[in-house]
Amino acid sequence: MGNVLKNIGNFAAITGIVICLIAGLIRLSGNSYFFGYEAITLFIGGIAFMVLGCLAKLSILERSREMMR
């Protein structure tokens, strides 16, 4: 289970960073929409993926800490 959470966390974090970068580049280019979605919506989605990655990693840390007791 730990490896699954680790992989989910890594994938979610990388995906979130990429989505946020894309949203930022869209806004810097002067556009507000990307395939019908507002850039801010993509940015918020990227933040959600990064939070998911952080929560998965936190769960791994908590489980390893419980095993040490």
C-alpha atoms as a PDB file:
ATOM      1  CA  MET A   1       0.000   0.000   0.000  1.00  0.00           C
ATOM      2  CA  GLY A   2       2.900   2.309   0.713  1.00  0.00           C
ATOM      3  CA  ASN A   3       4.287   2.007  -2.796  1.00  0.00           C
ATOM      4  CA  VAL A   4       0.877   2.716  -4.299  1.00  0.00           C
ATOM      5  CA  LEU A   5       0.479   5.881  -2.217  1.00  0.00           C
ATOM      6  CA  LYS A   6       4.023   6.912  -3.062  1.00  0.00           C
ATOM      7  CA  ASN A   7       3.372   6.534  -6.792  1.00  0.00           C
ATOM      8  CA  ILE A   8       0.015   8.320  -6.557  1.00  0.00           C
ATOM      9  CA  GLY A   9       1.635  11.146  -4.618  1.00  0.00           C
ATOM     10  CA  ASN A  10       4.460  11.560  -7.108  1.00  0.00           C
ATOM     11  CA  PHE A  11       2.150  11.415 -10.120  1.00  0.00           C
ATOM     12  CA  ALA A  12      -0.349  13.858  -8.619  1.00  0.00           C
ATOM     13  CA  ALA A  13       2.354  16.326  -7.628  1.00  0.00           C
ATOM     14  CA  ILE A  14       4.062  16.302 -11.017  1.00  0.00           C
ATOM     15  CA  THR A  15       0.713  16.569 -12.810  1.00  0.00           C
ATOM     16  CA  GLY A  16      -0.290  19.498 -10.602  1.00  0.00           C
ATOM     17  CA  ILE A  17       2.945  21.344 -11.247  1.00  0.00           C
ATOM     18  CA  VAL A  18       2.611  20.859 -15.005  1.00  0.00           C
ATOM     19  CA  ILE A  19      -1.015  22.038 -15.020  1.00  0.00           C
ATOM     20  CA  CYS A  20      -0.128  25.127 -12.961  1.00  0.00           C
ATOM     21  CA  LEU A  21       2.758  25.945 -15.302  1.00  0.00           C
ATOM     22  CA  ILE A  22       0.505  25.602 -18.336  1.00  0.00           C
ATOM     23  CA  ALA A  23      -2.101  27.873 -16.736  1.00  0.00           C
ATOM     24  CA  GLY A  24       0.581  30.429 -15.904  1.00  0.00           C
ATOM     25  CA  LEU A  25       1.984  30.396 -19.420  1.00  0.00           C
ATOM     26  CA  ILE A  26      -1.510  30.833 -20.853  1.00  0.00           C
ATOM     27  CA  ARG A  27      -2.085  33.903 -18.708  1.00  0.00           C
ATOM     28  CA  LEU A  28       1.364  35.320 -19.507  1.00  0.00           C
ATOM     29  CA  SER A  29       0.630  34.982 -23.204  1.00  0.00           C
ATOM     30  CA  GLY A  30      -2.405  37.234 -22.756  1.00  0.00           C
ATOM     31  CA  ASN A  31      -5.093  34.596 -23.150  1.00  0.00           C
ATOM     32  CA  SER A  32      -7.750  33.766 -20.594  1.00  0.00           C
ATOM     33  CA  TYR A  33      -9.076  30.514 -22.055  1.00  0.00           C
ATOM     34  CA  PHE A  34      -7.536  27.180 -22.963  1.00  0.00           C
ATOM     35  CA  PHE A  35      -9.819  24.804 -24.899  1.00  0.00           C
ATOM     36  CA  GLY A  36     -12.881  26.420 -23.365  1.00  0.00           C
ATOM     37  CA  TYR A  37     -11.578  26.443 -19.783  1.00  0.00           C
ATOM     38  CA  GLU A  38     -10.470  29.568 -17.985  1.00  0.00           C
ATOM     39  CA  ALA A  39      -6.816  29.625 -17.017  1.00  0.00           C
ATOM     40  CA  ILE A  40      -7.722  30.180 -13.359  1.00  0.00           C
ATOM     41  CA  THR A  41      -9.796  26.981 -13.422  1.00  0.00           C
ATOM     42  CA  LEU A  42      -6.783  25.051 -14.696  1.00  0.00           C
ATOM     43  CA  PHE A  43      -4.638  26.670 -12.016  1.00  0.00           C
ATOM     44  CA  ILE A  44      -7.059  25.632  -9.265  1.00  0.00           C
ATOM     45  CA  GLY A  45      -7.123  22.106 -10.683  1.00  0.00           C
ATOM     46  CA  GLY A  46      -3.327  22.033 -10.555  1.00  0.00           C
ATOM     47  CA  ILE A  47      -3.385  23.128  -6.940  1.00  0.00           C
ATOM     48  CA  ALA A  48      -5.872  20.357  -6.167  1.00  0.00           C
ATOM     49  CA  PHE A  49      -3.532  17.764  -7.695  1.00  0.00           C
ATOM     50  CA  MET A  50      -0.600  19.100  -5.658  1.00  0.00           C
ATOM     51  CA  VAL A  51      -2.667  18.931  -2.459  1.00  0.00           C
ATOM     52  CA  LEU A  52      -3.573  15.327  -3.305  1.00  0.00           C
ATOM     53  CA  GLY A  53       0.129  14.565  -3.695  1.00  0.00           C
ATOM     54  CA  CYS A  54       0.923  16.180  -0.346  1.00  0.00           C
ATOM     55  CA  LEU A  55      -1.834  14.241   1.417  1.00  0.00           C
ATOM     56  CA  ALA A  56      -0.606  10.961  -0.055  1.00  0.00           C
ATOM     57  CA  LYS A  57       2.932  11.673   1.109  1.00  0.00           C
ATOM     58  CA  LEU A  58       1.672  12.718   4.546  1.00  0.00           C
ATOM     59  CA  SER A  59      -0.214   9.443   4.829  1.00  0.00           C
ATOM     60  CA  ILE A  60       2.993   7.541   4.080  1.00  0.00           C
ATOM     61  CA  LEU A  61       4.870   9.504   6.746  1.00  0.00           C
ATOM     62  CA  GLU A  62       2.143   8.895   9.307  1.00  0.00           C
ATOM     63  CA  ARG A  63       2.097   5.155   8.628  1.00  0.00           C
ATOM     64  CA  SER A  64       5.877   4.879   8.924  1.00  0.00           C
ATOM     65  CA  ARG A  65       5.791   6.823  12.181  1.00  0.00           C
ATOM     66  CA  GLU A  66       3.131   4.493  13.606  1.00  0.00           C
ATOM     67  CA  MET A  67       5.219   1.476  12.675  1.00  0.00           C
ATOM     68  CA  MET A  68       8.189   2.858  14.609  1.00  0.00           C
ATOM     69  CA  ARG A  69       6.213   2.958  17.870  1.00  0.00           C
END
